[in-house]
């Protein structure tokens, strides 16, 4: 399941980062690494951006960035 497909309140563990190159590196630097627990807090009315809770902080991602993260519920 992709992180971009989650609704508020849903989440899980990151299984892998599908994004490659600079975007993939940036996502990993922000903490979206294998095994990290994430939860979607809210999604903007048009679906962009997506606010997630990751570890002890909140992070806002563009929908395209969230599509580069695969999670398991």
N, C-alpha and C. Protein backbone atom coordinates (compact mmCIF):
# COMPACT_ATOMS: atom_id res chain seq x y z
N UNK A 1 0.85 -1.17 0.00
CA UNK A 1 0.00 0.00 0.00
C UNK A 1 0.90 1.24 0.00
N UNK A 2 0.51 2.22 -0.78
CA UNK A 2 1.28 3.45 -0.82
C UNK A 2 0.80 4.41 0.26
N UNK A 3 1.71 5.19 0.78
CA UNK A 3 1.39 6.16 1.82
C UNK A 3 0.35 7.17 1.32
N UNK A 4 0.38 7.49 0.05
CA UNK A 4 -0.57 8.46 -0.51
C UNK A 4 -2.00 7.93 -0.53
N UNK A 5 -2.19 6.61 -0.42
CA UNK A 5 -3.53 6.01 -0.45
C UNK A 5 -4.17 5.95 0.93
N UNK A 6 -3.44 6.27 1.98
CA UNK A 6 -3.96 6.21 3.35
C UNK A 6 -4.86 7.40 3.64
N UNK A 7 -5.85 7.16 4.46
CA UNK A 7 -6.75 8.20 4.94
C UNK A 7 -6.29 8.63 6.33
N UNK A 8 -6.74 9.77 6.82
CA UNK A 8 -6.37 10.21 8.16
C UNK A 8 -6.68 9.14 9.21
N UNK A 9 -5.71 8.90 10.07
CA UNK A 9 -5.83 7.88 11.11
C UNK A 9 -5.20 6.56 10.73
N UNK A 10 -5.02 6.32 9.43
CA UNK A 10 -4.39 5.09 8.97
C UNK A 10 -2.88 5.24 8.97
N UNK A 11 -2.19 4.15 9.01
CA UNK A 11 -0.74 4.18 8.98
C UNK A 11 -0.18 2.78 9.00
N UNK A 12 1.09 2.69 9.30
CA UNK A 12 1.76 1.40 9.34
C UNK A 12 3.26 1.58 9.38
N UNK A 13 3.95 0.53 8.97
CA UNK A 13 5.42 0.56 8.92
C UNK A 13 5.89 0.71 7.49
N UNK A 14 6.92 1.49 7.32
CA UNK A 14 7.51 1.69 5.99
C UNK A 14 8.21 0.39 5.59
N UNK A 15 7.86 -0.14 4.42
CA UNK A 15 8.51 -1.35 3.92
C UNK A 15 9.64 -1.02 2.96
N UNK A 16 9.44 0.05 2.17
CA UNK A 16 10.52 0.49 1.27
C UNK A 16 10.18 1.85 0.68
N UNK A 17 11.22 2.49 0.20
CA UNK A 17 11.08 3.78 -0.48
C UNK A 17 11.23 3.53 -1.97
N UNK A 18 10.16 3.81 -2.71
CA UNK A 18 10.16 3.56 -4.15
C UNK A 18 10.85 4.66 -4.93
N UNK A 19 10.89 5.84 -4.36
CA UNK A 19 11.51 6.99 -5.05
C UNK A 19 13.01 6.75 -5.19
N UNK A 20 13.56 7.22 -6.28
CA UNK A 20 14.99 7.07 -6.55
C UNK A 20 15.62 8.45 -6.70
N UNK A 21 16.93 8.46 -6.70
CA UNK A 21 17.66 9.69 -6.92
C UNK A 21 17.55 10.65 -5.75
N UNK A 22 17.59 11.95 -6.04
CA UNK A 22 17.56 12.95 -4.96
C UNK A 22 16.30 12.88 -4.10
N UNK A 23 15.14 12.57 -4.69
CA UNK A 23 13.91 12.48 -3.90
C UNK A 23 13.98 11.32 -2.92
N UNK A 24 14.44 10.17 -3.37
CA UNK A 24 14.59 9.02 -2.49
C UNK A 24 15.54 9.31 -1.35
N UNK A 25 16.65 9.96 -1.65
CA UNK A 25 17.63 10.33 -0.63
C UNK A 25 17.00 11.30 0.38
N UNK A 26 16.25 12.27 -0.12
CA UNK A 26 15.61 13.27 0.76
C UNK A 26 14.61 12.61 1.69
N UNK A 27 13.79 11.68 1.17
CA UNK A 27 12.82 10.98 2.01
C UNK A 27 13.50 10.19 3.11
N UNK A 28 14.60 9.53 2.77
CA UNK A 28 15.33 8.76 3.78
C UNK A 28 15.97 9.67 4.82
N UNK A 29 16.46 10.82 4.40
CA UNK A 29 17.05 11.77 5.34
C UNK A 29 16.01 12.32 6.30
N UNK A 30 14.74 12.41 5.86
CA UNK A 30 13.68 12.89 6.73
C UNK A 30 13.19 11.81 7.69
N UNK A 31 13.68 10.59 7.54
CA UNK A 31 13.33 9.52 8.46
C UNK A 31 12.42 8.44 7.90
N UNK A 32 12.05 8.54 6.64
CA UNK A 32 11.20 7.52 6.03
C UNK A 32 12.05 6.35 5.57
N UNK A 33 12.52 5.58 6.54
CA UNK A 33 13.36 4.42 6.27
C UNK A 33 12.60 3.15 6.62
N UNK A 34 13.07 2.03 6.15
CA UNK A 34 12.42 0.75 6.40
C UNK A 34 12.24 0.51 7.89
N UNK A 35 11.01 0.18 8.27
CA UNK A 35 10.70 -0.11 9.67
C UNK A 35 10.15 1.07 10.45
N UNK A 36 10.22 2.27 9.92
CA UNK A 36 9.70 3.45 10.62
C UNK A 36 8.18 3.40 10.64
N UNK A 37 7.58 3.77 11.78
CA UNK A 37 6.13 3.81 11.91
C UNK A 37 5.61 5.19 11.50
N UNK A 38 4.60 5.20 10.64
CA UNK A 38 4.00 6.46 10.19
C UNK A 38 2.49 6.39 10.34
N UNK A 39 1.88 7.55 10.51
CA UNK A 39 0.43 7.64 10.57
C UNK A 39 0.01 8.93 9.87
N UNK A 40 -1.00 8.83 9.02
CA UNK A 40 -1.51 10.01 8.34
C UNK A 40 -2.36 10.80 9.32
N UNK A 41 -2.04 12.07 9.51
CA UNK A 41 -2.77 12.94 10.42
C UNK A 41 -3.91 13.61 9.68
N UNK A 42 -3.61 14.22 8.54
CA UNK A 42 -4.65 14.86 7.74
C UNK A 42 -4.19 15.02 6.31
N UNK A 43 -5.19 15.18 5.44
CA UNK A 43 -4.94 15.37 4.02
C UNK A 43 -5.68 16.63 3.60
N UNK A 44 -5.02 17.48 2.86
CA UNK A 44 -5.65 18.72 2.38
C UNK A 44 -6.85 18.38 1.49
N UNK A 45 -7.81 19.29 1.36
CA UNK A 45 -9.03 19.02 0.58
C UNK A 45 -8.78 18.50 -0.83
N UNK A 46 -7.77 18.99 -1.50
CA UNK A 46 -7.49 18.52 -2.86
C UNK A 46 -6.47 17.39 -2.88
N UNK A 47 -6.10 16.87 -1.71
CA UNK A 47 -5.20 15.73 -1.63
C UNK A 47 -3.73 16.09 -1.55
N UNK A 48 -3.41 17.35 -1.52
CA UNK A 48 -2.01 17.76 -1.53
C UNK A 48 -1.84 19.00 -0.67
N UNK A 49 -1.09 19.02 0.39
CA UNK A 49 -0.16 18.02 0.89
C UNK A 49 -0.81 17.03 1.86
N UNK A 50 -0.01 16.06 2.27
CA UNK A 50 -0.40 15.04 3.23
C UNK A 50 0.45 15.25 4.48
N UNK A 51 -0.20 15.38 5.63
CA UNK A 51 0.55 15.53 6.89
C UNK A 51 0.63 14.17 7.57
N UNK A 52 1.84 13.76 7.92
CA UNK A 52 2.04 12.47 8.59
C UNK A 52 2.74 12.69 9.92
N UNK A 53 2.55 11.72 10.82
CA UNK A 53 3.30 11.70 12.07
C UNK A 53 4.36 10.62 11.91
N UNK A 54 5.60 11.00 12.12
CA UNK A 54 6.73 10.11 11.96
C UNK A 54 7.61 10.28 13.19
N UNK A 55 7.77 9.21 13.96
CA UNK A 55 8.49 9.27 15.23
C UNK A 55 7.84 10.32 16.13
N UNK A 56 8.54 11.35 16.53
CA UNK A 56 8.00 12.36 17.44
C UNK A 56 7.70 13.68 16.75
N UNK A 57 7.57 13.70 15.44
CA UNK A 57 7.32 14.96 14.75
C UNK A 57 6.33 14.78 13.61
N UNK A 58 5.80 15.89 13.14
CA UNK A 58 4.87 15.91 12.01
C UNK A 58 5.63 16.37 10.77
N UNK A 59 5.25 15.79 9.65
CA UNK A 59 5.93 16.06 8.39
C UNK A 59 4.87 16.22 7.31
N UNK A 60 5.00 17.23 6.47
CA UNK A 60 4.08 17.42 5.35
C UNK A 60 4.79 17.03 4.06
N UNK A 61 4.13 16.19 3.28
CA UNK A 61 4.68 15.72 2.01
C UNK A 61 3.72 16.05 0.89
N UNK A 62 4.27 16.30 -0.27
CA UNK A 62 3.43 16.41 -1.46
C UNK A 62 2.88 15.02 -1.77
N UNK A 63 1.76 14.98 -2.45
CA UNK A 63 1.15 13.70 -2.79
C UNK A 63 2.12 12.85 -3.63
N UNK A 64 2.84 13.49 -4.55
CA UNK A 64 3.81 12.77 -5.38
C UNK A 64 4.92 12.17 -4.54
N UNK A 65 5.33 12.85 -3.47
CA UNK A 65 6.37 12.32 -2.58
C UNK A 65 5.82 11.14 -1.77
N UNK A 66 4.57 11.26 -1.32
CA UNK A 66 3.95 10.18 -0.55
C UNK A 66 3.75 8.93 -1.40
N UNK A 67 3.61 9.10 -2.71
CA UNK A 67 3.49 7.96 -3.60
C UNK A 67 4.80 7.17 -3.72
N UNK A 68 5.88 7.76 -3.28
CA UNK A 68 7.18 7.08 -3.32
C UNK A 68 7.51 6.29 -2.06
N UNK A 69 6.51 6.14 -1.16
CA UNK A 69 6.73 5.40 0.08
C UNK A 69 5.71 4.28 0.17
N UNK A 70 6.18 3.05 0.34
CA UNK A 70 5.32 1.89 0.47
C UNK A 70 5.26 1.48 1.93
N UNK A 71 4.03 1.24 2.43
CA UNK A 71 3.89 0.83 3.84
C UNK A 71 3.07 -0.44 3.93
N UNK A 72 3.15 -1.10 5.09
CA UNK A 72 2.27 -2.21 5.38
C UNK A 72 1.46 -1.83 6.62
N UNK A 73 0.16 -2.01 6.60
CA UNK A 73 -0.70 -1.61 7.73
C UNK A 73 -0.34 -2.34 9.02
